[in-house]
C-alpha atoms as a PDB file:
ATOM      1  CA  MET A   1      65.243 112.863  85.987  1.00  0.00           C
ATOM      2  CA  THR A   2      64.314 112.170  89.345  1.00  0.00           C
ATOM      3  CA  LEU A   3      65.530 113.341  92.645  1.00  0.00           C
ATOM      4  CA  ARG A   4      65.024 111.585  96.173  1.00  0.00           C
ATOM      5  CA  THR A   5      65.482 112.742  99.456  1.00  0.00           C
ATOM      6  CA  GLN A   6      65.925 111.310 102.801  1.00  0.00           C
ATOM      7  CA  THR A   7      67.448 112.300 106.049  1.00  0.00           C
ATOM      8  CA  ILE A   8      70.829 113.553 106.296  1.00  0.00           C
ATOM      9  CA  HIS A   9      74.003 110.783 107.308  1.00  0.00           C
ATOM     10  CA  ILE A  10      76.567 111.739 109.321  1.00  0.00           C
ATOM     11  CA  ASP A  11      79.335 109.156 110.266  1.00  0.00           C
ATOM     12  CA  ALA A  12      77.646 109.046 114.257  1.00  0.00           C
ATOM     13  CA  GLN A  13      81.971 109.459 115.472  1.00  0.00           C
ATOM     14  CA  LEU A  14      82.418 112.970 113.838  1.00  0.00           C
ATOM     15  CA  LEU A  15      78.919 113.569 114.913  1.00  0.00           C
ATOM     16  CA  GLY A  16      80.200 112.965 118.471  1.00  0.00           C
ATOM     17  CA  LEU A  17      82.704 115.048 118.544  1.00  0.00           C
ATOM     18  CA  LEU A  18      80.491 118.327 117.133  1.00  0.00           C
ATOM     19  CA  SER A  19      78.952 120.656 119.613  1.00  0.00           C
ATOM     20  CA  PRO A  20      75.509 119.526 121.058  1.00  0.00           C
ATOM     21  CA  ASP A  21      73.584 122.775 119.223  1.00  0.00           C
ATOM     22  CA  VAL A  22      76.169 122.210 116.056  1.00  0.00           C
ATOM     23  CA  ALA A  23      75.330 118.600 115.348  1.00  0.00           C
ATOM     24  CA  GLN A  24      71.537 119.070 115.977  1.00  0.00           C
ATOM     25  CA  ILE A  25      71.303 121.835 113.257  1.00  0.00           C
ATOM     26  CA  LEU A  26      73.633 119.717 110.847  1.00  0.00           C
ATOM     27  CA  SER A  27      71.521 116.535 111.678  1.00  0.00           C
ATOM     28  CA  ARG A  28      68.021 118.617 110.310  1.00  0.00           C
ATOM     29  CA  GLY A  29      70.016 118.376 106.506  1.00  0.00           C
ATOM     30  CA  GLN A  30      68.413 116.335 104.025  1.00  0.00           C
ATOM     31  CA  ARG A  31      70.780 113.741 101.817  1.00  0.00           C
ATOM     32  CA  CYS A  32      69.527 114.363  98.025  1.00  0.00           C
ATOM     33  CA  GLU A  33      70.367 111.832  95.612  1.00  0.00           C
ATOM     34  CA  LEU A  34      70.436 112.790  91.863  1.00  0.00           C
ATOM     35  CA  PRO A  35      70.998 110.785  88.582  1.00  0.00           C
ATOM     36  CA  GLY A  36      74.578 109.521  88.120  1.00  0.00           C
ATOM     37  CA  GLY A  37      74.310 108.458  91.848  1.00  0.00           C
ATOM     38  CA  MET A  38      75.322 112.311  93.180  1.00  0.00           C
ATOM     39  CA  ILE A  39      74.369 113.258  96.200  1.00  0.00           C
ATOM     40  CA  TRP A  40      73.960 116.799  97.693  1.00  0.00           C
ATOM     41  CA  HIS A  41      73.165 117.868 101.051  1.00  0.00           C
ATOM     42  CA  ALA A  42      70.462 120.145 101.701  1.00  0.00           C
ATOM     43  CA  TRP A  43      69.807 122.765 104.690  1.00  0.00           C
ATOM     44  CA  GLY A  44      67.394 125.819 104.866  1.00  0.00           C
ATOM     45  CA  SER A  45      64.556 127.459 102.996  1.00  0.00           C
ATOM     46  CA  GLU A  46      64.486 126.749  99.663  1.00  0.00           C
ATOM     47  CA  ALA A  47      63.169 130.579  99.115  1.00  0.00           C
ATOM     48  CA  ALA A  48      66.553 131.755 100.732  1.00  0.00           C
ATOM     49  CA  PRO A  49      69.203 132.692  98.788  1.00  0.00           C
ATOM     50  CA  THR A  50      71.451 129.555  97.836  1.00  0.00           C
ATOM     51  CA  MET A  51      75.046 128.599  98.814  1.00  0.00           C
ATOM     52  CA  VAL A  52      76.542 125.960  96.628  1.00  0.00           C
ATOM     53  CA  LEU A  53      79.601 124.661  98.332  1.00  0.00           C
ATOM     54  CA  LEU A  54      81.792 122.424  96.464  1.00  0.00           C
ATOM     55  CA  HIS A  55      85.008 120.853  98.562  1.00  0.00           C
ATOM     56  CA  GLY A  56      88.302 120.084  97.585  1.00  0.00           C
ATOM     57  CA  GLY A  57      90.411 117.461  96.433  1.00  0.00           C
ATOM     58  CA  SER A  58      90.264 113.821  98.242  1.00  0.00           C
ATOM     59  CA  GLY A  59      87.507 115.522 100.340  1.00  0.00           C
ATOM     60  CA  SER A  60      83.435 115.713 100.563  1.00  0.00           C
ATOM     61  CA  TRP A  61      81.043 118.105 101.733  1.00  0.00           C
ATOM     62  CA  THR A  62      82.491 118.200 105.412  1.00  0.00           C
ATOM     63  CA  HIS A  63      85.340 120.106 104.266  1.00  0.00           C
ATOM     64  CA  TRP A  64      82.945 122.860 104.938  1.00  0.00           C
ATOM     65  CA  LEU A  65      81.713 121.109 108.184  1.00  0.00           C
ATOM     66  CA  ARG A  66      82.256 124.407 110.495  1.00  0.00           C
ATOM     67  CA  ASN A  67      80.832 126.760 108.184  1.00  0.00           C
ATOM     68  CA  ILE A  68      77.452 125.521 107.433  1.00  0.00           C
ATOM     69  CA  VAL A  69      75.669 126.642 110.698  1.00  0.00           C
ATOM     70  CA  SER A  70      77.006 130.340 110.264  1.00  0.00           C
ATOM     71  CA  LEU A  71      75.797 130.621 106.691  1.00  0.00           C
ATOM     72  CA  LEU A  72      72.349 129.160 107.750  1.00  0.00           C
ATOM     73  CA  ASN A  73      72.359 131.896 110.777  1.00  0.00           C
ATOM     74  CA  ASP A  74      73.203 134.584 107.981  1.00  0.00           C
ATOM     75  CA  GLY A  75      70.117 133.548 106.157  1.00  0.00           C
ATOM     76  CA  TYR A  76      70.987 131.120 103.254  1.00  0.00           C
ATOM     77  CA  ARG A  77      70.114 128.206 101.619  1.00  0.00           C
ATOM     78  CA  VAL A  78      73.129 125.501 101.643  1.00  0.00           C
ATOM     79  CA  LEU A  79      73.796 123.098  99.735  1.00  0.00           C
ATOM     80  CA  ALA A  80      76.943 121.192  99.796  1.00  0.00           C
ATOM     81  CA  ILE A  81      77.909 118.567  97.411  1.00  0.00           C
ATOM     82  CA  ASP A  82      79.864 115.205  97.294  1.00  0.00           C
ATOM     83  CA  LEU A  83      81.666 115.920  93.956  1.00  0.00           C
ATOM     84  CA  PRO A  84      81.195 112.967  91.331  1.00  0.00           C
ATOM     85  CA  GLY A  85      84.074 110.583  92.543  1.00  0.00           C
ATOM     86  CA  PHE A  86      84.473 111.821  96.382  1.00  0.00           C
ATOM     87  CA  GLY A  87      82.390 111.231  99.767  1.00  0.00           C
ATOM     88  CA  ASP A  88      79.101 109.310  98.984  1.00  0.00           C
ATOM     89  CA  SER A  89      78.938 110.259  95.193  1.00  0.00           C
ATOM     90  CA  ALA A  90      79.418 107.770  92.025  1.00  0.00           C
ATOM     91  CA  ALA A  91      82.409 108.678  90.064  1.00  0.00           C
ATOM     92  CA  PRO A  92      81.275 110.700  86.762  1.00  0.00           C
ATOM     93  CA  LEU A  93      81.263 107.942  83.489  1.00  0.00           C
ATOM     94  CA  HIS A  94      83.916 109.317  81.639  1.00  0.00           C
ATOM     95  CA  GLY A  95      86.797 111.255  82.717  1.00  0.00           C
ATOM     96  CA  GLY A  96      88.842 111.427  86.055  1.00  0.00           C
ATOM     97  CA  ASP A  97      89.434 114.988  86.688  1.00  0.00           C
ATOM     98  CA  ALA A  98      87.565 118.753  87.280  1.00  0.00           C
ATOM     99  CA  ASP A  99      86.805 118.757  83.431  1.00  0.00           C
ATOM    100  CA  ALA A 100      84.559 115.630  83.618  1.00  0.00           C
ATOM    101  CA  LEU A 101      82.253 117.160  86.904  1.00  0.00           C
ATOM    102  CA  VAL A 102      81.102 120.082  84.593  1.00  0.00           C
ATOM    103  CA  GLU A 103      78.127 118.434  82.551  1.00  0.00           C
ATOM    104  CA  PRO A 104      76.853 116.109  85.896  1.00  0.00           C
ATOM    105  CA  LEU A 105      77.271 118.996  88.272  1.00  0.00           C
ATOM    106  CA  HIS A 106      75.346 121.458  85.507  1.00  0.00           C
ATOM    107  CA  ALA A 107      72.343 118.787  84.838  1.00  0.00           C
ATOM    108  CA  ALA A 108      71.992 118.053  89.076  1.00  0.00           C
ATOM    109  CA  TRP A 109      71.426 121.631  89.363  1.00  0.00           C
ATOM    110  CA  GLN A 110      68.360 122.019  86.854  1.00  0.00           C
ATOM    111  CA  LEU A 111      66.997 119.836  89.623  1.00  0.00           C
ATOM    112  CA  MET A 112      68.080 121.867  92.673  1.00  0.00           C
ATOM    113  CA  ARG A 113      67.982 125.450  91.792  1.00  0.00           C
ATOM    114  CA  ARG A 114      64.626 127.360  93.049  1.00  0.00           C
ATOM    115  CA  HIS A 115      65.768 130.794  91.544  1.00  0.00           C
ATOM    116  CA  ASP A 116      68.135 133.553  90.654  1.00  0.00           C
ATOM    117  CA  ASN A 117      69.734 134.550  93.427  1.00  0.00           C
ATOM    118  CA  ASN A 118      72.842 131.930  93.939  1.00  0.00           C
ATOM    119  CA  THR A 119      76.378 131.934  95.146  1.00  0.00           C
ATOM    120  CA  PHE A 120      79.125 129.134  93.993  1.00  0.00           C
ATOM    121  CA  MET A 121      81.880 128.775  96.957  1.00  0.00           C
ATOM    122  CA  GLY A 122      84.538 126.248  95.646  1.00  0.00           C
ATOM    123  CA  PHE A 123      87.381 125.219  97.909  1.00  0.00           C
ATOM    124  CA  SER A 124      90.725 124.074  96.228  1.00  0.00           C
ATOM    125  CA  PHE A 125      90.158 121.663  93.607  1.00  0.00           C
ATOM    126  CA  GLY A 126      85.991 122.814  94.337  1.00  0.00           C
ATOM    127  CA  GLY A 127      86.999 126.256  93.516  1.00  0.00           C
ATOM    128  CA  MET A 128      88.911 125.144  90.009  1.00  0.00           C
ATOM    129  CA  THR A 129      85.912 123.134  89.553  1.00  0.00           C
ATOM    130  CA  ALA A 130      83.137 125.679  89.858  1.00  0.00           C
ATOM    131  CA  ALA A 131      85.199 128.162  87.875  1.00  0.00           C
ATOM    132  CA  LEU A 132      85.030 125.899  85.192  1.00  0.00           C
ATOM    133  CA  TRP A 133      81.225 125.117  85.408  1.00  0.00           C
ATOM    134  CA  LEU A 134      80.644 128.839  85.114  1.00  0.00           C
ATOM    135  CA  ALA A 135      82.652 129.108  82.141  1.00  0.00           C
ATOM    136  CA  ALA A 136      80.872 126.856  80.208  1.00  0.00           C
ATOM    137  CA  TYR A 137      77.209 127.729  81.986  1.00  0.00           C
ATOM    138  CA  PRO A 138      77.606 131.556  82.884  1.00  0.00           C
ATOM    139  CA  GLN A 139      73.998 131.545  83.924  1.00  0.00           C
ATOM    140  CA  ASP A 140      73.861 129.176  86.625  1.00  0.00           C
ATOM    141  CA  ALA A 141      75.467 131.543  89.482  1.00  0.00           C
ATOM    142  CA  GLN A 142      75.367 135.100  90.344  1.00  0.00           C
ATOM    143  CA  CYS A 143      78.434 134.991  92.245  1.00  0.00           C
ATOM    144  CA  LEU A 144      81.705 133.124  92.544  1.00  0.00           C
ATOM    145  CA  VAL A 145      83.695 132.579  95.802  1.00  0.00           C
ATOM    146  CA  MET A 146      87.088 130.622  94.943  1.00  0.00           C
ATOM    147  CA  VAL A 147      88.934 129.857  98.288  1.00  0.00           C
ATOM    148  CA  GLY A 148      92.399 128.499  97.647  1.00  0.00           C
ATOM    149  CA  ALA A 149      91.733 127.512  94.367  1.00  0.00           C
ATOM    150  CA  PRO A 150      94.640 125.959  91.900  1.00  0.00           C
ATOM    151  CA  GLY A 151      94.632 126.014  88.648  1.00  0.00           C
ATOM    152  CA  PHE A 152      97.450 128.684  87.150  1.00  0.00           C
ATOM    153  CA  GLY A 153     100.361 126.182  86.875  1.00  0.00           C
ATOM    154  CA  MET A 154     102.153 127.592  89.365  1.00  0.00           C
ATOM    155  CA  ALA A 155     103.366 125.774  92.428  1.00  0.00           C
ATOM    156  CA  SER A 156     105.943 126.355  95.262  1.00  0.00           C
ATOM    157  CA  PRO A 157     109.409 124.938  95.578  1.00  0.00           C
ATOM    158  CA  HIS A 158     109.074 124.756  98.992  1.00  0.00           C
ATOM    159  CA  ARG A 159     105.930 122.849  99.360  1.00  0.00           C
ATOM    160  CA  ILE A 160     106.025 119.604 101.605  1.00  0.00           C
ATOM    161  CA  PRO A 161     105.833 116.332  99.645  1.00  0.00           C
ATOM    162  CA  LEU A 162     102.336 114.326 100.831  1.00  0.00           C
ATOM    163  CA  LYS A 163     102.789 110.882 102.176  1.00  0.00           C
ATOM    164  CA  GLY A 164     101.555 107.623 100.604  1.00  0.00           C
ATOM    165  CA  TRP A 165      98.864 106.107 103.530  1.00  0.00           C
ATOM    166  CA  ARG A 166      97.170 103.352 101.305  1.00  0.00           C
ATOM    167  CA  HIS A 167      99.920 100.754 101.824  1.00  0.00           C
ATOM    168  CA  LEU A 168     101.147 100.686 105.015  1.00  0.00           C
ATOM    169  CA  PRO A 169      99.967  98.034 107.420  1.00  0.00           C
ATOM    170  CA  THR A 170      98.538  99.344 110.489  1.00  0.00           C
ATOM    171  CA  PRO A 171      95.949 102.322 111.530  1.00  0.00           C
ATOM    172  CA  ALA A 172      98.569 103.747 113.738  1.00  0.00           C
ATOM    173  CA  LEU A 173     101.344 103.951 110.637  1.00  0.00           C
ATOM    174  CA  GLN A 174      98.044 105.286 108.319  1.00  0.00           C
ATOM    175  CA  ALA A 175      96.988 108.067 111.025  1.00  0.00           C
ATOM    176  CA  GLN A 176     100.883 109.400 111.137  1.00  0.00           C
ATOM    177  CA  ALA A 177     100.664 110.186 107.212  1.00  0.00           C
ATOM    178  CA  HIS A 178      97.309 111.656 107.436  1.00  0.00           C
ATOM    179  CA  ARG A 179      98.910 114.029 110.327  1.00  0.00           C
ATOM    180  CA  HIS A 180     101.637 114.464 107.770  1.00  0.00           C
ATOM    181  CA  ASN A 181      99.713 115.316 104.939  1.00  0.00           C
ATOM    182  CA  LEU A 182      97.297 117.472 106.864  1.00  0.00           C
ATOM    183  CA  LEU A 183      99.959 120.012 108.317  1.00  0.00           C
ATOM    184  CA  GLY A 184     101.561 119.818 105.091  1.00  0.00           C
ATOM    185  CA  LEU A 185      99.305 120.655 102.896  1.00  0.00           C
ATOM    186  CA  MET A 186      96.082 122.024 104.518  1.00  0.00           C
ATOM    187  CA  LEU A 187      96.545 123.327 107.861  1.00  0.00           C
ATOM    188  CA  ARG A 188      99.150 126.109 108.618  1.00  0.00           C
ATOM    189  CA  ASP A 189      98.921 125.602 112.642  1.00  0.00           C
ATOM    190  CA  ALA A 190      99.153 121.977 114.320  1.00  0.00           C
ATOM    191  CA  ALA A 191      96.967 123.071 117.034  1.00  0.00           C
ATOM    192  CA  HIS A 192      94.332 123.492 114.457  1.00  0.00           C
ATOM    193  CA  LEU A 193      94.787 119.567 113.959  1.00  0.00           C
ATOM    194  CA  ASP A 194      92.010 118.419 116.291  1.00  0.00           C
ATOM    195  CA  GLU A 195      90.020 115.045 116.239  1.00  0.00           C
ATOM    196  CA  VAL A 196      87.351 116.300 113.846  1.00  0.00           C
ATOM    197  CA  ALA A 197      90.065 117.074 111.210  1.00  0.00           C
ATOM    198  CA  MET A 198      91.591 114.054 111.299  1.00  0.00           C
ATOM    199  CA  ARG A 199      88.262 112.076 111.366  1.00  0.00           C
ATOM    200  CA  LEU A 200      86.480 113.605 108.509  1.00  0.00           C
ATOM    201  CA  HIS A 201      90.121 113.563 106.465  1.00  0.00           C
ATOM    202  CA  VAL A 202      90.330 109.571 106.895  1.00  0.00           C
ATOM    203  CA  LEU A 203      86.793 109.501 106.300  1.00  0.00           C
ATOM    204  CA  ASN A 204      87.247 111.366 102.921  1.00  0.00           C
ATOM    205  CA  VAL A 205      90.345 110.243 101.577  1.00  0.00           C
ATOM    206  CA  VAL A 206      89.511 106.098 101.662  1.00  0.00           C
ATOM    207  CA  ARG A 207      86.447 107.701  99.509  1.00  0.00           C
ATOM    208  CA  ASP A 208      88.407 109.166  96.727  1.00  0.00           C
ATOM    209  CA  ARG A 209      87.928 107.475  93.633  1.00  0.00           C
ATOM    210  CA  MET A 210      89.864 110.533  91.396  1.00  0.00           C
ATOM    211  CA  THR A 211      93.643 109.974  92.451  1.00  0.00           C
ATOM    212  CA  ARG A 212      94.557 110.388  89.037  1.00  0.00           C
ATOM    213  CA  ARG A 213      93.993 114.220  89.044  1.00  0.00           C
ATOM    214  CA  ARG A 214      96.499 116.339  87.549  1.00  0.00           C
ATOM    215  CA  LEU A 215      94.807 119.612  85.965  1.00  0.00           C
ATOM    216  CA  ALA A 216      95.445 121.664  89.355  1.00  0.00           C
ATOM    217  CA  SER A 217      98.939 121.633  88.461  1.00  0.00           C
ATOM    218  CA  THR A 218      98.171 122.944  84.666  1.00  0.00           C
ATOM    219  CA  PRO A 219      97.333 126.565  83.668  1.00  0.00           C
ATOM    220  CA  ILE A 220      93.614 125.884  82.843  1.00  0.00           C
ATOM    221  CA  LEU A 221      91.940 128.894  85.305  1.00  0.00           C
ATOM    222  CA  VAL A 222      93.606 131.397  82.564  1.00  0.00           C
ATOM    223  CA  ASP A 223      91.099 130.246  79.892  1.00  0.00           C
ATOM    224  CA  ALA A 224      88.455 129.512  81.729  1.00  0.00           C
ATOM    225  CA  MET A 225      88.383 133.010  84.099  1.00  0.00           C
ATOM    226  CA  PRO A 226      87.498 135.421  81.242  1.00  0.00           C
ATOM    227  CA  ARG A 227      84.459 133.178  80.355  1.00  0.00           C
ATOM    228  CA  ILE A 228      82.856 133.722  83.617  1.00  0.00           C
ATOM    229  CA  GLU A 229      80.188 136.355  83.853  1.00  0.00           C
ATOM    230  CA  CYS A 230      78.968 136.990  87.228  1.00  0.00           C
ATOM    231  CA  PRO A 231      81.499 138.706  90.203  1.00  0.00           C
ATOM    232  CA  VAL A 232      84.190 136.829  91.111  1.00  0.00           C
ATOM    233  CA  HIS A 233      85.958 137.175  94.847  1.00  0.00           C
ATOM    234  CA  VAL A 234      88.838 135.178  95.711  1.00  0.00           C
ATOM    235  CA  ILE A 235      89.662 134.177  99.609  1.00  0.00           C
ATOM    236  CA  TYR A 236      93.267 132.731 100.323  1.00  0.00           C
ATOM    237  CA  GLY A 237      94.789 131.943 103.731  1.00  0.00           C
ATOM    238  CA  GLU A 238      98.284 133.651 104.197  1.00  0.00           C
ATOM    239  CA  HIS A 239     100.055 130.773 104.252  1.00  0.00           C
ATOM    240  CA  ASP A 240      98.740 128.200 101.787  1.00  0.00           C
ATOM    241  CA  ALA A 241     100.799 125.594 101.211  1.00  0.00           C
ATOM    242  CA  PHE A 242      99.911 125.097  97.389  1.00  0.00           C
ATOM    243  CA  TYR A 243     101.829 128.414  96.880  1.00  0.00           C
ATOM    244  CA  LEU A 244     103.124 129.839  99.469  1.00  0.00           C
ATOM    245  CA  ASP A 245     105.800 132.615  98.608  1.00  0.00           C
ATOM    246  CA  ARG A 246     104.112 132.677  95.207  1.00  0.00           C
ATOM    247  CA  LEU A 247     100.471 134.173  96.566  1.00  0.00           C
ATOM    248  CA  PRO A 248     101.444 137.739  95.109  1.00  0.00           C
ATOM    249  CA  GLU A 249     102.046 136.150  91.425  1.00  0.00           C
ATOM    250  CA  VAL A 250      98.765 134.231  91.932  1.00  0.00           C
ATOM    251  CA  LEU A 251      96.958 137.160  92.732  1.00  0.00           C
ATOM    252  CA  ALA A 252      98.096 139.010  89.935  1.00  0.00           C
ATOM    253  CA  MET A 253      97.163 136.644  87.413  1.00  0.00           C
ATOM    254  CA  PHE A 254      93.582 136.435  88.765  1.00  0.00           C
ATOM    255  CA  LYS A 255      93.450 140.297  88.271  1.00  0.00           C
ATOM    256  CA  GLN A 256      94.922 139.698  84.799  1.00  0.00           C
ATOM    257  CA  VAL A 257      92.503 136.794  83.768  1.00  0.00           C
ATOM    258  CA  THR A 258      89.455 138.142  85.208  1.00  0.00           C
ATOM    259  CA  PRO A 259      87.344 141.038  84.103  1.00  0.00           C
ATOM    260  CA  THR A 260      84.365 140.043  86.426  1.00  0.00           C
ATOM    261  CA  LEU A 261      87.299 140.000  89.464  1.00  0.00           C
ATOM    262  CA  ALA A 262      85.014 141.851  92.437  1.00  0.00           C
ATOM    263  CA  SER A 263      87.808 141.218  95.543  1.00  0.00           C
ATOM    264  CA  CYS A 264      91.007 139.426  96.904  1.00  0.00           C
ATOM    265  CA  GLN A 265      91.736 138.578 100.293  1.00  0.00           C
ATOM    266  CA  LEU A 266      93.678 136.821 102.660  1.00  0.00           C
ATOM    267  CA  VAL A 267      93.310 135.652 105.751  1.00  0.00           C
ATOM    268  CA  PRO A 268      96.456 136.249 108.000  1.00  0.00           C
ATOM    269  CA  GLY A 269      98.300 133.384 109.843  1.00  0.00           C
ATOM    270  CA  MET A 270      96.069 130.597 108.201  1.00  0.00           C
ATOM    271  CA  GLY A 271      97.291 127.747 105.582  1.00  0.00           C
ATOM    272  CA  HIS A 272      95.136 126.438 102.611  1.00  0.00           C
ATOM    273  CA  TRP A 273      91.999 124.787 104.539  1.00  0.00           C
ATOM    274  CA  VAL A 274      91.457 128.218 105.748  1.00  0.00           C
ATOM    275  CA  GLN A 275      87.643 128.030 106.364  1.00  0.00           C
ATOM    276  CA  TYR A 276      88.533 125.509 108.800  1.00  0.00           C
ATOM    277  CA  GLU A 277      91.396 126.424 110.376  1.00  0.00           C
ATOM    278  CA  SER A 278      89.963 130.098 111.061  1.00  0.00           C
ATOM    279  CA  PRO A 279      86.173 130.137 110.453  1.00  0.00           C
ATOM    280  CA  THR A 280      85.908 133.242 112.258  1.00  0.00           C
ATOM    281  CA  GLU A 281      88.787 134.982 109.948  1.00  0.00           C
ATOM    282  CA  PHE A 282      87.149 133.245 107.297  1.00  0.00           C
ATOM    283  CA  GLU A 283      83.619 134.333 107.534  1.00  0.00           C
ATOM    284  CA  ARG A 284      84.437 138.182 108.312  1.00  0.00           C
ATOM    285  CA  ALA A 285      85.847 138.189 104.604  1.00  0.00           C
ATOM    286  CA  LEU A 286      83.311 136.225 103.187  1.00  0.00           C
ATOM    287  CA  LYS A 287      80.759 138.755 104.561  1.00  0.00           C
ATOM    288  CA  CYS A 288      83.139 141.660 103.332  1.00  0.00           C
ATOM    289  CA  ALA A 289      83.411 140.187  99.958  1.00  0.00           C
ATOM    290  CA  LEU A 290      79.518 139.286  99.356  1.00  0.00           C
ATOM    291  CA  LYS A 291      78.611 142.522 101.110  1.00  0.00           C
ATOM    292  CA  GLY A 292      80.526 144.420  98.058  1.00  0.00           C
ATOM    293  CA  SER A 293      78.639 142.567  95.660  1.00  0.00           C
ATOM    294  CA  ALA A 294      75.312 143.353  97.070  1.00  0.00           C
END
C-alpha cells in the first residue's frame, strides 16, 4: 500500500470567503491520496497528538472548516478525511453506508498513524462511522468524540422534511432548496447561514455518491458502543434537528450502552452542525471533555 501527498486543493471561491489568516493556514495543508482513491487532508507535526476528523453525511472535510485552525493552535496534528463516497474520495468497493467504510478507514489508518496518542472526532454520520470503526478495531484510537451522532433508532416527529434539489432546473431554485435544507437540518439560526456555509454545502452535496444511506435511522449504535474501549465524549447542539425534544432519551441511551462514556454536553442554543454554528462554544465544550480525559 502506498501514500501519495501533494499540496492541498481548496476551492478558490470558498478560500476567498475566509479571513486571510485562516486561508493561509489551511492552504499549508497536504492532500494525501491513499489506496482505493481515499483522500485525507493533513496539517501539523506528525509528532503531535493527532485529531482525526470524520465529517457528516453529504459532506467532506470542510464540515470542520471553522475548527481546524483552533485545533492546530491547541497543538494537534489534524487529519480531516473525505470519507469514501464523499468529497474527493472514491466510493467504497462494496456497500453504500457507514458499515462499508470501516475496513477502508482502518486500512488507510495504518499508513497515516504515527503513534498512540490519537483522538477520533466524528460529526453526525461521521460520529456513527467512527463508533463502528472503533467497535471493530478498539486499538485504533485512545479517545472518541461524537458530535451530533445518530444511530439509536430515534427520530423527532417535529423534524422538517428536506427538499430535493437535483431535479431543479436553475441554480437559483437549487439555492432555495439548499437554504431550506441547511436551516431545516444543519443550523438553528438563519443568521449563521453565511456565504461560507452555502458555498461549502453546495460543493459537498453534488459529490455525495452514498445517497441511499439508511443506517442513521436504525439503532446500530446500541450494539457498537459496548465494544468501544476508549473514553467516549458526546456533544450535541441543544436544538439538534435530528432529535429536538428527544435529546434526553438519546443521552440516556448513551449512558445505558456505553461503558466508557466519559462526558455528555449540550451546547446551548445551537443546532445540529454545532461546530460550525458556534465554534467558540463548541471548542470550549471539546476542551472541557478532553481535559477530563487527560
